[in-house]
């Protein structure tokens, strides 16, 4: 169910969260709108509220207040319908190490409800997109970390989700593997996928994100295109300096 041309893929209004027994809100009046084909960076230090935000948007937990619509569907009222439209790809490798890459893809594809013929076509297409053909029949537990992370994403997009949540997908990767994966993520965007991207590497966000939101202590501190945010703050040379300044960690 793709979003209509005049309809945002993700609309969040007045989102707030306080956990039971908590003394303070961990998310305060968050508003955002993400359009089809965007790579939207959700940035913040540890404890900023990113994990809570992603958990709410992916229907894992409920907010205390606010609304979430994904492809026009009310995610709070119809979480099961929304789950067919999204994919949450975790930072941890969520593969079976004693299965090959192809076998992992078959397993997850069946979980998504893909039938044999369609699944075979999607596996071939996704292996090619992520340049994984040479590794498809190797045990994933024997593959390098970079290859495992490519399979991790490949398994999560077989059902053509309208919205993909990527949680720090390049953590622990070497520079070459990181750059290779970033190219594939950009290709997903060019194919029409919409991505919410979390990372602690500001150079990644500056390179691939059309817009970013910087948050801390549950509050949005800045939002916009990286170049616009940087140029709007004449003291900061790049997104890393802007991030440190916005979160009160630096005086650039």
C-alpha atoms as a PDB file:
ATOM      1  CA  UNK A   1       0.000   0.000   0.000  1.00  0.00           C
ATOM      2  CA  UNK A   2       2.225   2.863  -1.180  1.00  0.00           C
ATOM      3  CA  UNK A   3       1.572   6.425  -0.146  1.00  0.00           C
ATOM      4  CA  UNK A   4      -0.374   8.647  -2.517  1.00  0.00           C
ATOM      5  CA  UNK A   5       1.634  11.377  -4.230  1.00  0.00           C
ATOM      6  CA  UNK A   6      -0.005  14.063  -2.076  1.00  0.00           C
ATOM      7  CA  UNK A   7       0.260  12.048   1.128  1.00  0.00           C
ATOM      8  CA  UNK A   8       3.293  11.881   3.400  1.00  0.00           C
ATOM      9  CA  UNK A   9       4.632   8.444   4.235  1.00  0.00           C
ATOM     10  CA  UNK A  10       4.992   9.429   7.906  1.00  0.00           C
ATOM     11  CA  UNK A  11       3.142  12.121   9.860  1.00  0.00           C
ATOM     12  CA  UNK A  12       3.776  12.571  13.582  1.00  0.00           C
ATOM     13  CA  UNK A  13       1.924  15.155  15.653  1.00  0.00           C
ATOM     14  CA  UNK A  14       2.409  16.100  19.307  1.00  0.00           C
ATOM     15  CA  UNK A  15       4.087  12.834  20.224  1.00  0.00           C
ATOM     16  CA  UNK A  16       4.888  12.404  23.909  1.00  0.00           C
ATOM     17  CA  UNK A  17       5.911   9.522  26.140  1.00  0.00           C
ATOM     18  CA  UNK A  18       6.270   8.974  29.877  1.00  0.00           C
ATOM     19  CA  UNK A  19       6.983   5.451  31.031  1.00  0.00           C
ATOM     20  CA  UNK A  20       4.919   4.044  33.926  1.00  0.00           C
ATOM     21  CA  UNK A  21       6.449   5.182  37.204  1.00  0.00           C
ATOM     22  CA  UNK A  22       8.630   7.761  35.468  1.00  0.00           C
ATOM     23  CA  UNK A  23       8.972  11.274  36.846  1.00  0.00           C
ATOM     24  CA  UNK A  24       9.599  12.982  33.506  1.00  0.00           C
ATOM     25  CA  UNK A  25       8.533  12.665  29.893  1.00  0.00           C
ATOM     26  CA  UNK A  26      11.189  11.011  27.742  1.00  0.00           C
ATOM     27  CA  UNK A  27       9.577  12.401  24.582  1.00  0.00           C
ATOM     28  CA  UNK A  28       8.050  15.874  24.441  1.00  0.00           C
ATOM     29  CA  UNK A  29       5.760  17.196  21.697  1.00  0.00           C
ATOM     30  CA  UNK A  30       7.554  15.659  18.714  1.00  0.00           C
ATOM     31  CA  UNK A  31       6.269  16.687  15.280  1.00  0.00           C
ATOM     32  CA  UNK A  32       7.631  15.514  11.948  1.00  0.00           C
ATOM     33  CA  UNK A  33       6.594  14.779   8.388  1.00  0.00           C
ATOM     34  CA  UNK A  34       8.549  12.519   6.041  1.00  0.00           C
ATOM     35  CA  UNK A  35       7.906  12.314   2.309  1.00  0.00           C
ATOM     36  CA  UNK A  36       8.249   9.378  -0.078  1.00  0.00           C
ATOM     37  CA  UNK A  37      11.843   8.637  -1.063  1.00  0.00           C
ATOM     38  CA  UNK A  38      13.462  10.595   1.765  1.00  0.00           C
ATOM     39  CA  UNK A  39      16.281   9.374   3.961  1.00  0.00           C
ATOM     40  CA  UNK A  40      15.392  11.124   7.209  1.00  0.00           C
ATOM     41  CA  UNK A  41      18.080  11.169   9.900  1.00  0.00           C
ATOM     42  CA  UNK A  42      16.982  10.872  13.524  1.00  0.00           C
ATOM     43  CA  UNK A  43      20.010  12.061  15.486  1.00  0.00           C
ATOM     44  CA  UNK A  44      20.790  12.497  19.152  1.00  0.00           C
ATOM     45  CA  UNK A  45      23.149  11.420  21.947  1.00  0.00           C
ATOM     46  CA  UNK A  46      22.460   8.383  24.090  1.00  0.00           C
ATOM     47  CA  UNK A  47      19.300   8.992  26.117  1.00  0.00           C
ATOM     48  CA  UNK A  48      17.929  11.535  23.645  1.00  0.00           C
ATOM     49  CA  UNK A  49      14.714   9.602  23.007  1.00  0.00           C
ATOM     50  CA  UNK A  50      15.575   8.051  19.645  1.00  0.00           C
ATOM     51  CA  UNK A  51      14.894   4.465  20.705  1.00  0.00           C
ATOM     52  CA  UNK A  52      11.574   5.457  22.269  1.00  0.00           C
ATOM     53  CA  UNK A  53      10.617   7.334  19.111  1.00  0.00           C
ATOM     54  CA  UNK A  54      11.474   4.409  16.827  1.00  0.00           C
ATOM     55  CA  UNK A  55       9.652   1.992  19.140  1.00  0.00           C
ATOM     56  CA  UNK A  56       6.489   4.098  18.956  1.00  0.00           C
ATOM     57  CA  UNK A  57       6.669   4.662  15.191  1.00  0.00           C
ATOM     58  CA  UNK A  58       7.162   0.940  14.569  1.00  0.00           C
ATOM     59  CA  UNK A  59       4.167   0.117  16.840  1.00  0.00           C
ATOM     60  CA  UNK A  60       6.233  -1.699  19.494  1.00  0.00           C
ATOM     61  CA  UNK A  61       5.058   0.625  22.279  1.00  0.00           C
ATOM     62  CA  UNK A  62       2.266   3.178  22.634  1.00  0.00           C
ATOM     63  CA  UNK A  63       2.824   6.884  23.248  1.00  0.00           C
ATOM     64  CA  UNK A  64       1.334   8.759  26.173  1.00  0.00           C
ATOM     65  CA  UNK A  65      -0.081  11.323  23.751  1.00  0.00           C
ATOM     66  CA  UNK A  66       0.019  12.329  20.100  1.00  0.00           C
ATOM     67  CA  UNK A  67      -0.711  10.707  16.756  1.00  0.00           C
ATOM     68  CA  UNK A  68       1.194   8.696  14.130  1.00  0.00           C
ATOM     69  CA  UNK A  69       0.032   8.078  10.565  1.00  0.00           C
ATOM     70  CA  UNK A  70       1.945   5.861   8.143  1.00  0.00           C
ATOM     71  CA  UNK A  71       0.795   5.934   4.524  1.00  0.00           C
ATOM     72  CA  UNK A  72      -2.430   7.500   5.787  1.00  0.00           C
ATOM     73  CA  UNK A  73      -3.106   4.705   8.302  1.00  0.00           C
ATOM     74  CA  UNK A  74      -3.529   5.567  11.973  1.00  0.00           C
ATOM     75  CA  UNK A  75      -0.676   3.531  13.481  1.00  0.00           C
ATOM     76  CA  UNK A  76      -2.067   3.712  17.017  1.00  0.00           C
ATOM     77  CA  UNK A  77      -5.520   2.414  16.056  1.00  0.00           C
ATOM     78  CA  UNK A  78      -4.385  -0.079  13.408  1.00  0.00           C
ATOM     79  CA  UNK A  79      -0.902  -1.333  14.390  1.00  0.00           C
ATOM     80  CA  UNK A  80      -1.271  -4.691  12.633  1.00  0.00           C
ATOM     81  CA  UNK A  81      -2.174  -3.023   9.346  1.00  0.00           C
ATOM     82  CA  UNK A  82       0.808  -0.694   9.683  1.00  0.00           C
ATOM     83  CA  UNK A  83       3.207  -3.577  10.330  1.00  0.00           C
ATOM     84  CA  UNK A  84       2.651  -4.828   6.780  1.00  0.00           C
ATOM     85  CA  UNK A  85       3.851  -1.429   5.500  1.00  0.00           C
ATOM     86  CA  UNK A  86       7.073  -1.078   7.490  1.00  0.00           C
ATOM     87  CA  UNK A  87      10.327  -2.822   8.283  1.00  0.00           C
ATOM     88  CA  UNK A  88      12.383  -2.361  11.447  1.00  0.00           C
ATOM     89  CA  UNK A  89      15.982  -3.415  10.862  1.00  0.00           C
ATOM     90  CA  UNK A  90      17.843  -3.526  14.182  1.00  0.00           C
ATOM     91  CA  UNK A  91      21.427  -2.683  14.961  1.00  0.00           C
ATOM     92  CA  UNK A  92      21.999  -6.271  16.079  1.00  0.00           C
ATOM     93  CA  UNK A  93      22.437  -8.905  13.387  1.00  0.00           C
ATOM     94  CA  UNK A  94      19.085 -10.734  13.232  1.00  0.00           C
ATOM     95  CA  UNK A  95      20.184 -13.663  11.075  1.00  0.00           C
ATOM     96  CA  UNK A  96      20.474 -17.405  11.660  1.00  0.00           C
ATOM     97  CA  UNK A  97      24.252 -18.006  11.508  1.00  0.00           C
ATOM     98  CA  UNK A  98      23.903 -21.688  10.533  1.00  0.00           C
ATOM     99  CA  UNK A  99      21.746 -20.845   7.515  1.00  0.00           C
ATOM    100  CA  UNK A 100      23.099 -19.458   4.262  1.00  0.00           C
ATOM    101  CA  UNK A 101      22.242 -15.939   3.195  1.00  0.00           C
ATOM    102  CA  UNK A 102      19.760 -17.278   0.659  1.00  0.00           C
ATOM    103  CA  UNK A 103      18.147 -19.543   3.266  1.00  0.00           C
ATOM    104  CA  UNK A 104      17.804 -16.633   5.668  1.00  0.00           C
ATOM    105  CA  UNK A 105      16.130 -14.604   2.930  1.00  0.00           C
ATOM    106  CA  UNK A 106      13.724 -17.450   2.160  1.00  0.00           C
ATOM    107  CA  UNK A 107      12.837 -17.765   5.837  1.00  0.00           C
ATOM    108  CA  UNK A 108      12.128 -14.076   6.347  1.00  0.00           C
ATOM    109  CA  UNK A 109      10.386 -13.779   3.001  1.00  0.00           C
ATOM    110  CA  UNK A 110       7.944 -16.509   4.018  1.00  0.00           C
ATOM    111  CA  UNK A 111       7.320 -14.701   7.308  1.00  0.00           C
ATOM    112  CA  UNK A 112       6.309 -11.692   5.217  1.00  0.00           C
ATOM    113  CA  UNK A 113       3.845 -13.892   3.350  1.00  0.00           C
ATOM    114  CA  UNK A 114       5.657 -13.995   0.006  1.00  0.00           C
ATOM    115  CA  UNK A 115       4.788 -16.972  -2.179  1.00  0.00           C
ATOM    116  CA  UNK A 116       7.418 -19.197  -3.779  1.00  0.00           C
ATOM    117  CA  UNK A 117       7.609 -17.608  -7.242  1.00  0.00           C
ATOM    118  CA  UNK A 118       7.407 -14.020  -6.002  1.00  0.00           C
ATOM    119  CA  UNK A 119       9.893 -14.764  -3.235  1.00  0.00           C
ATOM    120  CA  UNK A 120      12.398 -16.223  -5.666  1.00  0.00           C
ATOM    121  CA  UNK A 121      12.216 -13.105  -7.833  1.00  0.00           C
ATOM    122  CA  UNK A 122      12.561 -10.782  -4.819  1.00  0.00           C
ATOM    123  CA  UNK A 123      15.561 -12.725  -3.506  1.00  0.00           C
ATOM    124  CA  UNK A 124      17.324 -12.499  -6.879  1.00  0.00           C
ATOM    125  CA  UNK A 125      16.557  -8.790  -7.171  1.00  0.00           C
ATOM    126  CA  UNK A 126      17.693  -8.003  -3.623  1.00  0.00           C
ATOM    127  CA  UNK A 127      20.876 -10.068  -3.865  1.00  0.00           C
ATOM    128  CA  UNK A 128      21.794  -8.066  -6.959  1.00  0.00           C
ATOM    129  CA  UNK A 129      20.928  -4.728  -5.315  1.00  0.00           C
ATOM    130  CA  UNK A 130      23.223  -5.441  -2.361  1.00  0.00           C
ATOM    131  CA  UNK A 131      25.918  -7.163  -4.460  1.00  0.00           C
ATOM    132  CA  UNK A 132      25.498 -10.381  -2.464  1.00  0.00           C
ATOM    133  CA  UNK A 133      25.299 -13.033  -5.203  1.00  0.00           C
ATOM    134  CA  UNK A 134      28.796 -14.331  -4.435  1.00  0.00           C
ATOM    135  CA  UNK A 135      27.893 -14.841  -0.757  1.00  0.00           C
ATOM    136  CA  UNK A 136      24.317 -16.109  -1.093  1.00  0.00           C
ATOM    137  CA  UNK A 137      25.165 -19.761  -0.464  1.00  0.00           C
ATOM    138  CA  UNK A 138      27.672 -19.228   2.344  1.00  0.00           C
ATOM    139  CA  UNK A 139      26.702 -19.653   5.993  1.00  0.00           C
ATOM    140  CA  UNK A 140      26.012 -16.146   7.277  1.00  0.00           C
ATOM    141  CA  UNK A 141      27.926 -16.930  10.466  1.00  0.00           C
ATOM    142  CA  UNK A 142      31.050 -17.364   8.330  1.00  0.00           C
ATOM    143  CA  UNK A 143      30.589 -14.066   6.459  1.00  0.00           C
ATOM    144  CA  UNK A 144      32.319 -10.814   7.402  1.00  0.00           C
ATOM    145  CA  UNK A 145      30.498  -8.278   9.541  1.00  0.00           C
ATOM    146  CA  UNK A 146      29.911  -6.025   6.550  1.00  0.00           C
ATOM    147  CA  UNK A 147      28.350  -8.820   4.494  1.00  0.00           C
ATOM    148  CA  UNK A 148      26.178  -9.854   7.440  1.00  0.00           C
ATOM    149  CA  UNK A 149      24.882  -6.303   7.751  1.00  0.00           C
ATOM    150  CA  UNK A 150      24.002  -6.241   4.056  1.00  0.00           C
ATOM    151  CA  UNK A 151      22.068  -9.501   4.484  1.00  0.00           C
ATOM    152  CA  UNK A 152      20.441  -8.057   7.614  1.00  0.00           C
ATOM    153  CA  UNK A 153      18.944  -5.238   5.548  1.00  0.00           C
ATOM    154  CA  UNK A 154      18.245  -7.446   2.514  1.00  0.00           C
ATOM    155  CA  UNK A 155      16.105  -9.789   4.631  1.00  0.00           C
ATOM    156  CA  UNK A 156      14.109  -6.839   5.940  1.00  0.00           C
ATOM    157  CA  UNK A 157      13.118  -5.323   2.610  1.00  0.00           C
ATOM    158  CA  UNK A 158      11.914  -8.356   0.649  1.00  0.00           C
ATOM    159  CA  UNK A 159       8.266  -7.330   1.060  1.00  0.00           C
ATOM    160  CA  UNK A 160       8.878  -3.828  -0.380  1.00  0.00           C
ATOM    161  CA  UNK A 161       8.021  -1.899   2.803  1.00  0.00           C
ATOM    162  CA  UNK A 162       6.852   1.682   2.343  1.00  0.00           C
ATOM    163  CA  UNK A 163       8.834   2.806   5.394  1.00  0.00           C
ATOM    164  CA  UNK A 164      12.128   1.331   6.604  1.00  0.00           C
ATOM    165  CA  UNK A 165      13.623   2.008  10.036  1.00  0.00           C
ATOM    166  CA  UNK A 166      17.408   1.566  10.036  1.00  0.00           C
ATOM    167  CA  UNK A 167      18.959   1.632  13.508  1.00  0.00           C
ATOM    168  CA  UNK A 168      22.704   2.371  13.313  1.00  0.00           C
ATOM    169  CA  UNK A 169      23.276  -0.061  10.426  1.00  0.00           C
ATOM    170  CA  UNK A 170      27.004   0.701  10.030  1.00  0.00           C
ATOM    171  CA  UNK A 171      28.120   0.434  13.660  1.00  0.00           C
ATOM    172  CA  UNK A 172      31.396  -1.473  14.002  1.00  0.00           C
ATOM    173  CA  UNK A 173      32.044  -1.612  10.256  1.00  0.00           C
ATOM    174  CA  UNK A 174      35.326  -0.704   8.565  1.00  0.00           C
ATOM    175  CA  UNK A 175      35.416   2.327   6.275  1.00  0.00           C
ATOM    176  CA  UNK A 176      35.188   0.341   3.022  1.00  0.00           C
ATOM    177  CA  UNK A 177      32.222  -1.735   4.218  1.00  0.00           C
ATOM    178  CA  UNK A 178      30.477   1.361   5.577  1.00  0.00           C
ATOM    179  CA  UNK A 179      30.810   3.208   2.279  1.00  0.00           C
ATOM    180  CA  UNK A 180      29.569   0.171   0.336  1.00  0.00           C
ATOM    181  CA  UNK A 181      26.496  -0.115   2.566  1.00  0.00           C
ATOM    182  CA  UNK A 182      25.743   3.616   2.367  1.00  0.00           C
ATOM    183  CA  UNK A 183      25.687   3.345  -1.436  1.00  0.00           C
ATOM    184  CA  UNK A 184      23.085   0.551  -1.187  1.00  0.00           C
ATOM    185  CA  UNK A 185      20.993   2.574   1.243  1.00  0.00           C
ATOM    186  CA  UNK A 186      20.995   5.504  -1.177  1.00  0.00           C
ATOM    187  CA  UNK A 187      19.930   3.127  -3.950  1.00  0.00           C
ATOM    188  CA  UNK A 188      16.929   2.094  -1.859  1.00  0.00           C
ATOM    189  CA  UNK A 189      15.924   5.751  -1.664  1.00  0.00           C
ATOM    190  CA  UNK A 190      16.326   6.182  -5.412  1.00  0.00           C
ATOM    191  CA  UNK A 191      14.027   3.171  -5.923  1.00  0.00           C
ATOM    192  CA  UNK A 192      11.336   4.988  -3.907  1.00  0.00           C
ATOM    193  CA  UNK A 193      11.834   3.594  -0.415  1.00  0.00           C
ATOM    194  CA  UNK A 194      11.473   5.952   2.536  1.00  0.00           C
ATOM    195  CA  UNK A 195      13.945   5.502   5.387  1.00  0.00           C
ATOM    196  CA  UNK A 196      14.252   6.680   8.979  1.00  0.00           C
ATOM    197  CA  UNK A 197      17.966   6.485   9.710  1.00  0.00           C
ATOM    198  CA  UNK A 198      19.640   6.633  13.124  1.00  0.00           C
ATOM    199  CA  UNK A 199      23.396   6.949  13.480  1.00  0.00           C
ATOM    200  CA  UNK A 200      26.092   8.416  15.725  1.00  0.00           C
ATOM    201  CA  UNK A 201      28.242   9.114  12.649  1.00  0.00           C
ATOM    202  CA  UNK A 202      27.350  12.666  11.666  1.00  0.00           C
ATOM    203  CA  UNK A 203      29.352  12.457   8.434  1.00  0.00           C
ATOM    204  CA  UNK A 204      27.045   9.638   7.309  1.00  0.00           C
ATOM    205  CA  UNK A 205      23.926  11.675   8.009  1.00  0.00           C
ATOM    206  CA  UNK A 206      25.373  14.712   6.245  1.00  0.00           C
ATOM    207  CA  UNK A 207      26.200  12.573   3.207  1.00  0.00           C
ATOM    208  CA  UNK A 208      22.990  10.606   2.670  1.00  0.00           C
ATOM    209  CA  UNK A 209      20.113  12.264   4.560  1.00  0.00           C
ATOM    210  CA  UNK A 210      17.787  14.684   2.781  1.00  0.00           C
ATOM    211  CA  UNK A 211      16.747  16.040   6.198  1.00  0.00           C
ATOM    212  CA  UNK A 212      17.700  15.416   9.805  1.00  0.00           C
ATOM    213  CA  UNK A 213      16.148  15.996  13.200  1.00  0.00           C
ATOM    214  CA  UNK A 214      18.506  16.564  16.127  1.00  0.00           C
ATOM    215  CA  UNK A 215      16.989  15.753  19.504  1.00  0.00           C
ATOM    216  CA  UNK A 216      18.086  15.564  23.118  1.00  0.00           C
ATOM    217  CA  UNK A 217      16.218  14.793  26.336  1.00  0.00           C
ATOM    218  CA  UNK A 218      13.108  14.091  24.295  1.00  0.00           C
ATOM    219  CA  UNK A 219      13.007  17.512  22.640  1.00  0.00           C
ATOM    220  CA  UNK A 220      13.576  18.484  19.005  1.00  0.00           C
ATOM    221  CA  UNK A 221      16.503  20.919  18.897  1.00  0.00           C
ATOM    222  CA  UNK A 222      16.813  21.402  15.135  1.00  0.00           C
ATOM    223  CA  UNK A 223      15.292  20.048  11.942  1.00  0.00           C
ATOM    224  CA  UNK A 224      16.022  20.574   8.266  1.00  0.00           C
ATOM    225  CA  UNK A 225      18.341  19.731   5.391  1.00  0.00           C
ATOM    226  CA  UNK A 226      21.922  19.307   6.664  1.00  0.00           C
ATOM    227  CA  UNK A 227      23.326  22.001   4.363  1.00  0.00           C
ATOM    228  CA  UNK A 228      20.621  24.473   5.406  1.00  0.00           C
ATOM    229  CA  UNK A 229      21.203  23.836   9.103  1.00  0.00           C
ATOM    230  CA  UNK A 230      24.962  24.223   8.734  1.00  0.00           C
ATOM    231  CA  UNK A 231      24.738  27.402   6.642  1.00  0.00           C
ATOM    232  CA  UNK A 232      22.193  28.821   9.089  1.00  0.00           C
ATOM    233  CA  UNK A 233      24.779  28.565  11.855  1.00  0.00           C
ATOM    234  CA  UNK A 234      27.803  30.462  10.616  1.00  0.00           C
ATOM    235  CA  UNK A 235      30.058  29.149  13.387  1.00  0.00           C
ATOM    236  CA  UNK A 236      29.760  25.494  12.455  1.00  0.00           C
ATOM    237  CA  UNK A 237      31.635  23.930   9.550  1.00  0.00           C
ATOM    238  CA  UNK A 238      29.793  20.620   9.349  1.00  0.00           C
ATOM    239  CA  UNK A 239      26.964  18.583  10.848  1.00  0.00           C
ATOM    240  CA  UNK A 240      29.204  17.151  13.560  1.00  0.00           C
ATOM    241  CA  UNK A 241      29.970  20.617  14.948  1.00  0.00           C
ATOM    242  CA  UNK A 242      26.332  21.634  14.614  1.00  0.00           C
ATOM    243  CA  UNK A 243      25.253  18.500  16.484  1.00  0.00           C
ATOM    244  CA  UNK A 244      27.703  19.141  19.316  1.00  0.00           C
ATOM    245  CA  UNK A 245      26.601  22.768  19.575  1.00  0.00           C
ATOM    246  CA  UNK A 246      22.877  21.987  19.490  1.00  0.00           C
ATOM    247  CA  UNK A 247      23.243  19.365  22.209  1.00  0.00           C
ATOM    248  CA  UNK A 248      25.400  21.677  24.362  1.00  0.00           C
ATOM    249  CA  UNK A 249      28.588  19.668  24.008  1.00  0.00           C
ATOM    250  CA  UNK A 250      30.699  22.138  22.055  1.00  0.00           C
ATOM    251  CA  UNK A 251      31.274  25.814  21.368  1.00  0.00           C
ATOM    252  CA  UNK A 252      32.359  26.018  17.743  1.00  0.00           C
END
